[in-house]
């Protein structure tokens, strides 16, 4: 049910982006060539920690760095960033609830068996989330993505967790908004801050540069 609702949100948002309406979103462009695995950036130190508390798909950085520069120019702001790009598949809060039954080593092995590193994904749009931090509005910017494989991996993790006695209600594989964080004004904002990183938060649509040749 949640997955269907997620698709409805994306479809409506993308239809609005493609519409000639004066309210259509401005477009940013990216190069599909920059997303190829051969150009994958080196994972950050955090991603190499043996005892990390999350699962992620590391991505080539060049395309997202360019998008961030375009967002900064358009939004007249300067964003803090991590100098890398990834899609979090299992978040630290989610793993915290599951770690008494399954380890991150088991989760990573399961994801590897499902070819996490080759998971297809599609860039949909650039979203913006805003929340109060000590009385001041702070923002985070991200690329909303779509990937069926990542949902499949989450469902497999859920099955593994429940098969080992975990409570099915502890982790919802469908409650998931895959995205790539571009940057933020002070700190990254998350669902716990009231920020939902889906297509309903889009401020720019994204278009591959190669389409310009058509």
N, C-alpha and C. Protein backbone atom coordinates (compact mmCIF):
# COMPACT_ATOMS: atom_id res chain seq x y z
N UNK A 1 0.83 -1.20 0.00
CA UNK A 1 0.00 0.00 0.00
C UNK A 1 0.87 1.25 0.00
N UNK A 2 1.87 1.26 0.90
CA UNK A 2 2.78 2.41 0.97
C UNK A 2 3.53 2.59 -0.33
N UNK A 3 3.94 1.47 -0.96
CA UNK A 3 4.68 1.54 -2.22
C UNK A 3 3.82 2.16 -3.31
N UNK A 4 2.53 1.79 -3.35
CA UNK A 4 1.61 2.35 -4.33
C UNK A 4 1.45 3.84 -4.12
N UNK A 5 1.32 4.24 -2.86
CA UNK A 5 1.16 5.66 -2.55
C UNK A 5 2.41 6.43 -2.97
N UNK A 6 3.58 5.83 -2.75
CA UNK A 6 4.85 6.45 -3.13
C UNK A 6 4.88 6.71 -4.64
N UNK A 7 4.42 5.74 -5.42
CA UNK A 7 4.40 5.90 -6.88
C UNK A 7 3.42 6.99 -7.30
N UNK A 8 2.27 7.08 -6.60
CA UNK A 8 1.28 8.12 -6.93
C UNK A 8 1.88 9.49 -6.72
N UNK A 9 2.59 9.68 -5.60
CA UNK A 9 3.24 10.97 -5.31
C UNK A 9 4.23 11.32 -6.39
N UNK A 10 5.06 10.35 -6.78
CA UNK A 10 6.07 10.58 -7.81
C UNK A 10 5.42 10.92 -9.14
N UNK A 11 4.40 10.16 -9.51
CA UNK A 11 3.73 10.37 -10.80
C UNK A 11 3.11 11.76 -10.88
N UNK A 12 2.44 12.16 -9.81
CA UNK A 12 1.81 13.49 -9.80
C UNK A 12 2.85 14.59 -9.86
N UNK A 13 3.94 14.41 -9.12
CA UNK A 13 5.00 15.43 -9.10
C UNK A 13 5.70 15.53 -10.44
N UNK A 14 5.98 14.38 -11.06
CA UNK A 14 6.66 14.40 -12.34
C UNK A 14 5.75 14.94 -13.45
N UNK A 15 4.44 14.69 -13.33
CA UNK A 15 3.49 15.25 -14.30
C UNK A 15 3.49 16.76 -14.21
N UNK A 16 3.54 17.25 -12.97
CA UNK A 16 3.58 18.70 -12.77
C UNK A 16 4.85 19.29 -13.34
N UNK A 17 5.96 18.55 -13.20
CA UNK A 17 7.24 19.03 -13.73
C UNK A 17 7.20 19.13 -15.25
N UNK A 18 6.50 18.21 -15.91
CA UNK A 18 6.48 18.17 -17.36
C UNK A 18 5.43 19.11 -17.95
N UNK A 19 4.58 19.65 -17.12
CA UNK A 19 3.48 20.48 -17.57
C UNK A 19 3.97 21.84 -18.03
N UNK A 20 3.30 22.45 -19.04
CA UNK A 20 3.67 23.79 -19.47
C UNK A 20 3.13 24.86 -18.54
N UNK A 21 2.52 24.46 -17.44
CA UNK A 21 1.95 25.40 -16.48
C UNK A 21 3.01 26.37 -16.00
N UNK A 22 2.61 27.63 -15.71
CA UNK A 22 3.57 28.61 -15.18
C UNK A 22 4.11 28.19 -13.82
N UNK A 23 3.49 27.18 -13.20
CA UNK A 23 3.94 26.71 -11.90
C UNK A 23 4.88 25.51 -12.02
N UNK A 24 5.22 25.13 -13.25
CA UNK A 24 6.12 23.99 -13.45
C UNK A 24 7.48 24.32 -12.84
N UNK A 25 8.17 23.28 -12.38
CA UNK A 25 9.47 23.48 -11.75
C UNK A 25 10.54 23.83 -12.77
N UNK A 26 11.49 24.67 -12.34
CA UNK A 26 12.65 24.95 -13.18
C UNK A 26 13.47 23.67 -13.31
N UNK A 27 14.23 23.57 -14.39
CA UNK A 27 15.01 22.36 -14.65
C UNK A 27 16.49 22.55 -14.34
N UNK A 28 17.09 21.51 -13.82
CA UNK A 28 18.54 21.41 -13.70
C UNK A 28 18.96 20.22 -14.54
N UNK A 29 20.17 20.25 -15.07
CA UNK A 29 20.64 19.17 -15.94
C UNK A 29 21.83 18.45 -15.33
N UNK A 30 21.96 17.19 -15.72
CA UNK A 30 23.10 16.39 -15.28
C UNK A 30 23.55 15.51 -16.42
N UNK A 31 24.78 15.04 -16.33
CA UNK A 31 25.33 14.17 -17.37
C UNK A 31 25.23 12.71 -16.94
N UNK A 32 24.48 11.88 -17.67
CA UNK A 32 24.40 10.45 -17.34
C UNK A 32 25.78 9.79 -17.33
N UNK A 33 26.71 10.31 -18.12
CA UNK A 33 28.06 9.76 -18.17
C UNK A 33 28.72 9.83 -16.79
N UNK A 34 28.40 10.89 -16.05
CA UNK A 34 29.00 11.07 -14.72
C UNK A 34 28.47 10.08 -13.69
N UNK A 35 27.40 9.37 -14.04
CA UNK A 35 26.80 8.41 -13.11
C UNK A 35 27.32 7.00 -13.30
N UNK A 36 28.16 6.80 -14.31
CA UNK A 36 28.66 5.46 -14.59
C UNK A 36 29.62 4.99 -13.50
N UNK A 37 29.57 3.68 -13.23
CA UNK A 37 30.36 3.10 -12.14
C UNK A 37 31.85 3.35 -12.30
N UNK A 38 32.32 3.45 -13.55
CA UNK A 38 33.75 3.65 -13.79
C UNK A 38 34.24 4.95 -13.16
N UNK A 39 33.30 5.90 -12.97
CA UNK A 39 33.66 7.18 -12.39
C UNK A 39 33.38 7.25 -10.90
N UNK A 40 33.13 6.09 -10.27
CA UNK A 40 32.77 6.06 -8.85
C UNK A 40 33.84 6.74 -8.01
N UNK A 41 33.38 7.60 -7.12
CA UNK A 41 34.33 8.28 -6.24
C UNK A 41 34.75 7.35 -5.11
N UNK A 42 35.86 7.67 -4.45
CA UNK A 42 36.33 6.87 -3.32
C UNK A 42 35.39 7.09 -2.15
N UNK A 43 34.98 6.01 -1.50
CA UNK A 43 34.06 6.13 -0.36
C UNK A 43 34.70 6.93 0.76
N UNK A 44 33.87 7.66 1.48
CA UNK A 44 34.37 8.46 2.58
C UNK A 44 34.82 7.55 3.73
N UNK A 45 35.55 8.11 4.66
CA UNK A 45 36.06 7.35 5.80
C UNK A 45 34.91 6.72 6.57
N UNK A 46 33.80 7.47 6.77
CA UNK A 46 32.66 6.95 7.51
C UNK A 46 32.14 5.66 6.90
N UNK A 47 32.22 5.56 5.58
CA UNK A 47 31.69 4.38 4.91
C UNK A 47 32.61 3.18 5.05
N UNK A 48 33.81 3.39 5.58
CA UNK A 48 34.75 2.29 5.72
C UNK A 48 34.81 1.75 7.15
N UNK A 49 34.05 2.34 8.03
CA UNK A 49 34.07 1.88 9.41
C UNK A 49 33.53 0.46 9.50
N UNK A 50 34.26 -0.38 10.21
CA UNK A 50 33.83 -1.77 10.35
C UNK A 50 32.53 -1.87 11.13
N UNK A 51 32.33 -0.99 12.09
CA UNK A 51 31.16 -1.05 12.95
C UNK A 51 30.11 -0.02 12.56
N UNK A 52 29.99 0.26 11.28
CA UNK A 52 29.02 1.25 10.85
C UNK A 52 27.60 0.77 11.14
N UNK A 53 26.70 1.70 11.31
CA UNK A 53 25.33 1.37 11.73
C UNK A 53 24.31 1.64 10.63
N UNK A 54 24.74 1.57 9.38
CA UNK A 54 23.82 1.81 8.27
C UNK A 54 24.30 1.05 7.04
N UNK A 55 23.40 0.90 6.08
CA UNK A 55 23.74 0.28 4.80
C UNK A 55 23.52 1.31 3.71
N UNK A 56 24.49 1.46 2.81
CA UNK A 56 24.35 2.48 1.76
C UNK A 56 24.89 1.99 0.43
N UNK A 57 24.41 2.63 -0.61
CA UNK A 57 24.91 2.41 -1.97
C UNK A 57 25.74 3.63 -2.33
N UNK A 58 27.07 3.47 -2.44
CA UNK A 58 27.94 4.58 -2.80
C UNK A 58 27.87 4.85 -4.29
N UNK A 59 27.85 6.12 -4.66
CA UNK A 59 27.65 6.54 -6.04
C UNK A 59 28.78 7.43 -6.53
N UNK A 60 28.97 7.51 -7.86
CA UNK A 60 29.93 8.47 -8.42
C UNK A 60 29.52 9.88 -8.02
N UNK A 61 30.49 10.69 -7.65
CA UNK A 61 30.19 12.00 -7.07
C UNK A 61 30.02 13.13 -8.08
N UNK A 62 30.65 13.02 -9.23
CA UNK A 62 30.72 14.15 -10.17
C UNK A 62 29.36 14.75 -10.51
N UNK A 63 28.38 13.92 -10.84
CA UNK A 63 27.07 14.42 -11.25
C UNK A 63 26.40 15.19 -10.11
N UNK A 64 26.52 14.68 -8.90
CA UNK A 64 25.85 15.31 -7.76
C UNK A 64 26.57 16.58 -7.32
N UNK A 65 27.88 16.60 -7.50
CA UNK A 65 28.63 17.83 -7.20
C UNK A 65 28.18 18.96 -8.13
N UNK A 66 27.99 18.64 -9.41
CA UNK A 66 27.54 19.64 -10.37
C UNK A 66 26.13 20.12 -10.02
N UNK A 67 25.25 19.19 -9.66
CA UNK A 67 23.89 19.57 -9.29
C UNK A 67 23.92 20.49 -8.07
N UNK A 68 24.77 20.16 -7.09
CA UNK A 68 24.88 21.00 -5.90
C UNK A 68 25.33 22.42 -6.25
N UNK A 69 26.33 22.52 -7.13
CA UNK A 69 26.79 23.85 -7.55
C UNK A 69 25.66 24.63 -8.21
N UNK A 70 24.87 23.96 -9.03
CA UNK A 70 23.75 24.62 -9.70
C UNK A 70 22.69 25.07 -8.69
N UNK A 71 22.44 24.23 -7.68
CA UNK A 71 21.47 24.58 -6.64
C UNK A 71 21.98 25.78 -5.84
N UNK A 72 23.25 25.78 -5.48
CA UNK A 72 23.81 26.90 -4.72
C UNK A 72 23.69 28.20 -5.50
N UNK A 73 23.98 28.14 -6.79
CA UNK A 73 23.89 29.33 -7.63
C UNK A 73 22.46 29.83 -7.73
N UNK A 74 21.52 28.90 -7.94
CA UNK A 74 20.12 29.27 -8.10
C UNK A 74 19.49 29.75 -6.79
N UNK A 75 19.89 29.11 -5.69
CA UNK A 75 19.31 29.44 -4.38
C UNK A 75 20.08 30.55 -3.65
N UNK A 76 21.17 31.02 -4.25
CA UNK A 76 22.00 32.07 -3.64
C UNK A 76 22.44 31.67 -2.23
N UNK A 77 23.00 30.47 -2.13
CA UNK A 77 23.43 29.98 -0.84
C UNK A 77 24.70 29.17 -0.99
N UNK A 78 25.35 28.90 0.11
CA UNK A 78 26.52 28.03 0.13
C UNK A 78 26.21 26.88 1.08
N UNK A 79 26.37 25.66 0.61
CA UNK A 79 25.97 24.50 1.39
C UNK A 79 27.15 23.72 1.92
N UNK A 80 27.04 23.27 3.14
CA UNK A 80 28.00 22.31 3.66
C UNK A 80 27.74 20.98 2.96
N UNK A 81 28.79 20.21 2.71
CA UNK A 81 28.61 18.94 2.03
C UNK A 81 29.69 17.96 2.48
N UNK A 82 29.47 16.67 2.17
CA UNK A 82 30.38 15.63 2.63
C UNK A 82 31.40 15.25 1.56
N UNK A 83 31.29 15.81 0.37
CA UNK A 83 32.26 15.50 -0.68
C UNK A 83 32.13 14.10 -1.24
N UNK A 84 30.97 13.48 -1.10
CA UNK A 84 30.70 12.16 -1.64
C UNK A 84 29.21 12.01 -1.85
N UNK A 85 28.80 10.94 -2.51
CA UNK A 85 27.38 10.72 -2.78
C UNK A 85 27.01 9.28 -2.46
N UNK A 86 25.88 9.11 -1.80
CA UNK A 86 25.40 7.77 -1.51
C UNK A 86 23.89 7.79 -1.28
N UNK A 87 23.29 6.63 -1.41
CA UNK A 87 21.89 6.45 -1.06
C UNK A 87 21.85 5.55 0.17
N UNK A 88 21.33 6.03 1.27
CA UNK A 88 21.20 5.18 2.45
C UNK A 88 20.06 4.19 2.22
N UNK A 89 20.34 2.93 2.48
CA UNK A 89 19.34 1.87 2.27
C UNK A 89 18.71 1.45 3.60
N UNK A 90 19.54 1.30 4.62
CA UNK A 90 19.07 1.05 5.98
C UNK A 90 19.65 2.15 6.85
N UNK A 91 18.82 2.92 7.52
CA UNK A 91 19.29 4.06 8.31
C UNK A 91 19.76 3.63 9.69
N UNK A 92 20.57 4.47 10.35
CA UNK A 92 21.02 4.14 11.71
C UNK A 92 19.85 3.90 12.69
N UNK A 93 18.80 4.73 12.69
CA UNK A 93 17.67 4.45 13.60
C UNK A 93 17.00 3.11 13.31
N UNK A 94 16.92 2.74 12.02
CA UNK A 94 16.31 1.46 11.67
C UNK A 94 17.18 0.30 12.17
N UNK A 95 18.48 0.41 11.95
CA UNK A 95 19.37 -0.66 12.39
C UNK A 95 19.40 -0.77 13.91
N UNK A 96 19.29 0.33 14.61
CA UNK A 96 19.31 0.32 16.07
C UNK A 96 18.20 -0.59 16.62
N UNK A 97 17.05 -0.60 15.93
CA UNK A 97 15.93 -1.43 16.37
C UNK A 97 16.14 -2.91 16.04
N UNK A 98 16.98 -3.18 15.03
CA UNK A 98 17.14 -4.55 14.57
C UNK A 98 18.41 -5.24 15.08
N UNK A 99 19.34 -4.48 15.64
CA UNK A 99 20.67 -5.02 15.91
C UNK A 99 20.72 -6.14 16.96
N UNK A 100 19.68 -6.29 17.76
CA UNK A 100 19.68 -7.37 18.73
C UNK A 100 19.39 -8.72 18.08
N UNK A 101 18.86 -8.68 16.85
CA UNK A 101 18.51 -9.92 16.14
C UNK A 101 19.43 -10.19 14.95
N UNK A 102 19.84 -9.15 14.25
CA UNK A 102 20.72 -9.33 13.10
C UNK A 102 21.83 -8.29 13.12
N UNK A 103 22.97 -8.66 12.55
CA UNK A 103 24.13 -7.75 12.53
C UNK A 103 24.21 -7.02 11.20
N UNK A 104 24.97 -5.93 11.19
CA UNK A 104 25.17 -5.22 9.93
C UNK A 104 25.97 -6.08 8.95
N UNK A 105 26.81 -6.97 9.48
CA UNK A 105 27.54 -7.89 8.62
C UNK A 105 26.58 -8.79 7.86
N UNK A 106 25.54 -9.26 8.53
CA UNK A 106 24.53 -10.10 7.88
C UNK A 106 23.74 -9.30 6.85
N UNK A 107 23.38 -8.08 7.22
CA UNK A 107 22.62 -7.21 6.31
C UNK A 107 23.45 -6.91 5.06
N UNK A 108 24.73 -6.59 5.26
CA UNK A 108 25.61 -6.28 4.13
C UNK A 108 25.80 -7.48 3.21
N UNK A 109 25.93 -8.67 3.81
CA UNK A 109 26.09 -9.89 3.01
C UNK A 109 24.84 -10.16 2.19
N UNK A 110 23.67 -9.94 2.78
CA UNK A 110 22.41 -10.12 2.07
C UNK A 110 22.31 -9.13 0.92
N UNK A 111 22.65 -7.87 1.18
CA UNK A 111 22.60 -6.84 0.14
C UNK A 111 23.56 -7.15 -0.99
N UNK A 112 24.74 -7.65 -0.64
CA UNK A 112 25.73 -8.01 -1.66
C UNK A 112 25.23 -9.15 -2.54
N UNK A 113 24.54 -10.12 -1.92
CA UNK A 113 24.00 -11.24 -2.69
C UNK A 113 22.91 -10.80 -3.65
N UNK A 114 22.31 -9.63 -3.36
CA UNK A 114 21.26 -9.07 -4.22
C UNK A 114 21.80 -7.97 -5.13
N UNK A 115 23.14 -7.94 -5.27
CA UNK A 115 23.81 -6.99 -6.17
C UNK A 115 23.49 -5.53 -5.86
N UNK A 116 23.61 -5.17 -4.59
CA UNK A 116 23.36 -3.79 -4.20
C UNK A 116 24.19 -2.81 -5.03
N UNK A 117 25.47 -3.12 -5.24
CA UNK A 117 26.35 -2.19 -5.95
C UNK A 117 25.98 -1.99 -7.42
N UNK A 118 25.12 -2.88 -7.95
CA UNK A 118 24.68 -2.75 -9.33
C UNK A 118 23.21 -2.32 -9.41
N UNK A 119 22.67 -1.90 -8.30
CA UNK A 119 21.25 -1.53 -8.25
C UNK A 119 20.94 -0.37 -9.21
N UNK A 120 20.00 -0.56 -10.14
CA UNK A 120 19.60 0.54 -11.02
C UNK A 120 18.87 1.61 -10.21
N UNK A 121 19.07 2.85 -10.58
CA UNK A 121 18.35 3.93 -9.91
C UNK A 121 18.12 5.06 -10.92
N UNK A 122 17.11 5.85 -10.65
CA UNK A 122 16.75 6.95 -11.54
C UNK A 122 16.67 8.25 -10.75
N UNK A 123 17.30 9.30 -11.26
CA UNK A 123 17.21 10.62 -10.63
C UNK A 123 15.89 11.26 -11.02
N UNK A 124 15.12 11.69 -10.03
CA UNK A 124 13.80 12.26 -10.31
C UNK A 124 13.80 13.79 -10.25
N UNK A 125 14.32 14.35 -9.17
CA UNK A 125 14.21 15.80 -8.98
C UNK A 125 15.09 16.20 -7.81
N UNK A 126 15.20 17.50 -7.58
CA UNK A 126 15.91 18.02 -6.41
C UNK A 126 14.88 18.51 -5.40
N UNK A 127 14.99 17.99 -4.19
CA UNK A 127 14.07 18.39 -3.13
C UNK A 127 14.74 19.27 -2.10
N UNK A 128 13.91 19.96 -1.34
CA UNK A 128 14.40 20.82 -0.26
C UNK A 128 13.56 20.55 0.98
N UNK A 129 14.25 20.35 2.10
CA UNK A 129 13.56 20.17 3.38
C UNK A 129 14.00 21.25 4.34
N UNK A 130 13.06 21.78 5.11
CA UNK A 130 13.35 22.85 6.06
C UNK A 130 12.78 22.52 7.44
N UNK A 131 13.53 22.83 8.47
CA UNK A 131 13.09 22.60 9.83
C UNK A 131 13.74 23.64 10.74
N UNK A 132 13.13 23.87 11.89
CA UNK A 132 13.67 24.80 12.88
C UNK A 132 14.80 24.13 13.67
N UNK A 133 15.88 24.85 13.86
CA UNK A 133 16.98 24.38 14.68
C UNK A 133 17.39 25.54 15.58
N UNK A 134 17.09 25.41 16.87
CA UNK A 134 17.34 26.50 17.82
C UNK A 134 16.67 27.80 17.37
N UNK A 135 15.44 27.65 16.87
CA UNK A 135 14.63 28.81 16.49
C UNK A 135 14.93 29.38 15.12
N UNK A 136 15.86 28.77 14.39
CA UNK A 136 16.23 29.28 13.07
C UNK A 136 15.91 28.25 12.00
N UNK A 137 15.42 28.73 10.85
CA UNK A 137 15.15 27.83 9.73
C UNK A 137 16.45 27.32 9.13
N UNK A 138 16.59 26.02 9.09
CA UNK A 138 17.73 25.39 8.44
C UNK A 138 17.21 24.50 7.32
N UNK A 139 18.02 24.33 6.27
CA UNK A 139 17.56 23.59 5.09
C UNK A 139 18.55 22.51 4.67
N UNK A 140 18.01 21.51 4.02
CA UNK A 140 18.83 20.47 3.41
C UNK A 140 18.32 20.24 1.99
N UNK A 141 19.23 19.96 1.07
CA UNK A 141 18.89 19.76 -0.34
C UNK A 141 19.35 18.37 -0.75
N UNK A 142 18.58 17.72 -1.60
CA UNK A 142 18.85 16.33 -1.95
C UNK A 142 18.24 15.99 -3.30
N UNK A 143 18.75 14.95 -3.92
CA UNK A 143 18.18 14.42 -5.15
C UNK A 143 17.27 13.25 -4.78
N UNK A 144 16.01 13.35 -5.14
CA UNK A 144 15.06 12.26 -4.92
C UNK A 144 15.29 11.22 -6.02
N UNK A 145 15.41 9.95 -5.63
CA UNK A 145 15.68 8.90 -6.60
C UNK A 145 14.62 7.80 -6.49
N UNK A 146 14.54 6.99 -7.53
CA UNK A 146 13.67 5.83 -7.54
C UNK A 146 14.49 4.59 -7.85
N UNK A 147 14.31 3.53 -7.06
CA UNK A 147 15.03 2.28 -7.30
C UNK A 147 14.25 1.11 -6.70
N UNK A 148 13.69 0.28 -7.55
CA UNK A 148 12.96 -0.89 -7.08
C UNK A 148 13.88 -1.85 -6.33
N UNK A 149 15.13 -1.96 -6.78
CA UNK A 149 16.06 -2.90 -6.16
C UNK A 149 16.27 -2.57 -4.67
N UNK A 150 16.35 -1.30 -4.36
CA UNK A 150 16.58 -0.92 -2.98
C UNK A 150 15.40 -1.30 -2.09
N UNK A 151 14.19 -1.17 -2.63
CA UNK A 151 13.01 -1.61 -1.88
C UNK A 151 13.04 -3.13 -1.70
N UNK A 152 13.48 -3.84 -2.72
CA UNK A 152 13.56 -5.31 -2.64
C UNK A 152 14.55 -5.73 -1.55
N UNK A 153 15.68 -5.02 -1.48
CA UNK A 153 16.68 -5.33 -0.46
C UNK A 153 16.12 -5.07 0.93
N UNK A 154 15.41 -3.98 1.09
CA UNK A 154 14.80 -3.67 2.38
C UNK A 154 13.79 -4.74 2.79
N UNK A 155 13.02 -5.22 1.81
CA UNK A 155 12.06 -6.28 2.11
C UNK A 155 12.78 -7.56 2.53
N UNK A 156 13.92 -7.86 1.89
CA UNK A 156 14.69 -9.05 2.23
C UNK A 156 15.28 -8.91 3.64
N UNK A 157 15.72 -7.71 4.00
CA UNK A 157 16.24 -7.46 5.35
C UNK A 157 15.12 -7.67 6.37
N UNK A 158 13.94 -7.18 6.05
CA UNK A 158 12.78 -7.33 6.94
C UNK A 158 12.47 -8.81 7.16
N UNK A 159 12.53 -9.58 6.08
CA UNK A 159 12.26 -11.02 6.17
C UNK A 159 13.31 -11.72 7.03
N UNK A 160 14.58 -11.34 6.84
CA UNK A 160 15.66 -11.91 7.64
C UNK A 160 15.46 -11.58 9.11
N UNK A 161 15.11 -10.35 9.38
CA UNK A 161 14.92 -9.89 10.77
C UNK A 161 13.78 -10.65 11.45
N UNK A 162 12.65 -10.77 10.78
CA UNK A 162 11.50 -11.45 11.39
C UNK A 162 11.75 -12.96 11.51
N UNK A 163 12.55 -13.52 10.58
CA UNK A 163 12.84 -14.95 10.64
C UNK A 163 13.70 -15.30 11.85
N UNK A 164 14.37 -14.29 12.40
CA UNK A 164 15.21 -14.51 13.57
C UNK A 164 14.53 -14.04 14.85
N UNK A 165 13.21 -13.85 14.75
CA UNK A 165 12.44 -13.50 15.94
C UNK A 165 12.19 -12.03 16.13
N UNK A 166 12.57 -11.21 15.16
CA UNK A 166 12.34 -9.77 15.27
C UNK A 166 10.88 -9.42 15.10
N UNK A 167 10.45 -8.35 15.75
CA UNK A 167 9.08 -7.85 15.64
C UNK A 167 8.89 -7.18 14.29
N UNK A 168 7.92 -7.63 13.52
CA UNK A 168 7.68 -7.09 12.18
C UNK A 168 7.41 -5.60 12.19
N UNK A 169 6.89 -5.10 13.31
CA UNK A 169 6.55 -3.68 13.40
C UNK A 169 7.76 -2.79 13.67
N UNK A 170 8.90 -3.40 13.98
CA UNK A 170 10.09 -2.61 14.30
C UNK A 170 10.67 -1.90 13.08
N UNK A 171 10.46 -2.49 11.92
CA UNK A 171 11.09 -1.98 10.70
C UNK A 171 10.12 -2.12 9.53
N UNK A 172 9.79 -1.01 8.89
CA UNK A 172 8.89 -1.03 7.74
C UNK A 172 9.68 -0.84 6.46
N UNK A 173 9.80 -1.89 5.62
CA UNK A 173 10.58 -1.76 4.38
C UNK A 173 9.97 -0.78 3.39
N UNK A 174 8.68 -0.52 3.50
CA UNK A 174 8.01 0.38 2.56
C UNK A 174 8.11 1.85 2.97
N UNK A 175 8.36 2.10 4.24
CA UNK A 175 8.50 3.49 4.69
C UNK A 175 9.92 3.94 4.41
N UNK A 176 10.11 4.40 3.19
CA UNK A 176 11.46 4.65 2.71
C UNK A 176 11.41 5.68 1.58
N UNK A 177 12.28 6.67 1.65
CA UNK A 177 12.35 7.73 0.63
C UNK A 177 13.79 7.84 0.15
N UNK A 178 14.18 7.02 -0.83
CA UNK A 178 15.58 7.02 -1.29
C UNK A 178 15.98 8.38 -1.88
N UNK A 179 17.15 8.83 -1.51
CA UNK A 179 17.62 10.14 -1.96
C UNK A 179 19.14 10.22 -1.82
N UNK A 180 19.71 11.22 -2.46
CA UNK A 180 21.14 11.52 -2.34
C UNK A 180 21.27 12.93 -1.77
N UNK A 181 21.83 13.05 -0.59
CA UNK A 181 22.00 14.37 0.02
C UNK A 181 23.04 15.18 -0.76
N UNK A 182 22.67 16.41 -1.12
CA UNK A 182 23.59 17.31 -1.83
C UNK A 182 24.34 18.20 -0.85
N UNK A 183 23.63 18.76 0.11
CA UNK A 183 24.25 19.66 1.07
C UNK A 183 23.20 20.25 1.99
N UNK A 184 23.66 21.03 2.97
CA UNK A 184 22.74 21.57 3.96
C UNK A 184 23.33 22.85 4.54
N UNK A 185 22.47 23.68 5.14
CA UNK A 185 22.93 24.96 5.67
C UNK A 185 23.68 24.81 6.99
N UNK A 186 23.22 23.87 7.84
CA UNK A 186 23.88 23.66 9.14
C UNK A 186 24.17 22.18 9.38
N UNK A 187 23.15 21.35 9.21
CA UNK A 187 23.27 19.90 9.36
C UNK A 187 22.22 19.25 8.49
N UNK A 188 22.42 17.97 8.20
CA UNK A 188 21.43 17.26 7.42
C UNK A 188 20.17 17.09 8.26
N UNK A 189 19.03 17.16 7.60
CA UNK A 189 17.74 16.99 8.27
C UNK A 189 17.12 15.68 7.84
N UNK A 190 16.42 15.02 8.76
CA UNK A 190 15.90 13.69 8.48
C UNK A 190 14.42 13.59 8.83
N UNK A 191 13.88 12.38 8.66
CA UNK A 191 12.48 12.14 8.98
C UNK A 191 12.19 12.50 10.43
N UNK A 192 13.19 12.27 11.31
CA UNK A 192 13.02 12.60 12.73
C UNK A 192 12.86 14.10 12.95
N UNK A 193 13.29 14.90 11.97
CA UNK A 193 13.13 16.35 12.04
C UNK A 193 11.84 16.81 11.36
N UNK A 194 11.08 15.84 10.82
CA UNK A 194 9.85 16.18 10.12
C UNK A 194 10.04 16.42 8.64
N UNK A 195 11.22 16.06 8.11
CA UNK A 195 11.52 16.26 6.69
C UNK A 195 11.33 14.94 5.94
N UNK A 196 10.41 14.94 4.99
CA UNK A 196 10.15 13.76 4.16
C UNK A 196 10.76 14.00 2.79
N UNK A 197 11.76 13.21 2.45
CA UNK A 197 12.54 13.45 1.23
C UNK A 197 11.98 12.67 0.05
N UNK A 198 10.77 13.07 -0.37
CA UNK A 198 10.15 12.45 -1.53
C UNK A 198 9.85 13.50 -2.58
N UNK A 199 9.19 13.10 -3.67
CA UNK A 199 8.98 13.99 -4.80
C UNK A 199 8.06 15.16 -4.48
N UNK A 200 7.28 15.06 -3.40
CA UNK A 200 6.40 16.17 -3.03
C UNK A 200 7.18 17.38 -2.54
N UNK A 201 8.48 17.20 -2.24
CA UNK A 201 9.31 18.30 -1.75
C UNK A 201 10.17 18.92 -2.86
N UNK A 202 9.94 18.52 -4.10
CA UNK A 202 10.80 18.96 -5.21
C UNK A 202 10.73 20.46 -5.47
N UNK A 203 11.88 21.05 -5.73
CA UNK A 203 11.94 22.46 -6.15
C UNK A 203 12.54 22.60 -7.55
N UNK A 204 13.19 21.55 -8.06
CA UNK A 204 13.72 21.52 -9.43
C UNK A 204 13.47 20.14 -10.02
N UNK A 205 13.14 20.11 -11.30
CA UNK A 205 13.13 18.82 -12.00
C UNK A 205 14.54 18.58 -12.55
N UNK A 206 14.84 17.35 -12.88
CA UNK A 206 16.15 17.00 -13.41
C UNK A 206 16.02 16.42 -14.81
N UNK A 207 16.95 16.81 -15.67
CA UNK A 207 16.90 16.36 -17.05
C UNK A 207 18.30 15.97 -17.51
N UNK A 208 18.45 14.79 -18.09
CA UNK A 208 19.77 14.40 -18.59
C UNK A 208 20.20 15.25 -19.76
N UNK A 209 21.45 15.65 -19.78
CA UNK A 209 21.96 16.52 -20.84
C UNK A 209 21.88 15.88 -22.21
N UNK A 210 21.98 14.58 -22.31
CA UNK A 210 21.97 13.92 -23.60
C UNK A 210 20.66 14.13 -24.35
N UNK A 211 19.58 14.43 -23.62
CA UNK A 211 18.29 14.66 -24.26
C UNK A 211 18.30 15.95 -25.06
N UNK A 212 19.25 16.83 -24.77
CA UNK A 212 19.31 18.10 -25.47
C UNK A 212 19.68 17.90 -26.95
N UNK A 213 20.27 16.72 -27.25
CA UNK A 213 20.70 16.46 -28.63
C UNK A 213 19.57 15.98 -29.51
N UNK A 214 18.43 15.62 -28.87
CA UNK A 214 17.30 15.08 -29.63
C UNK A 214 16.51 16.18 -30.32
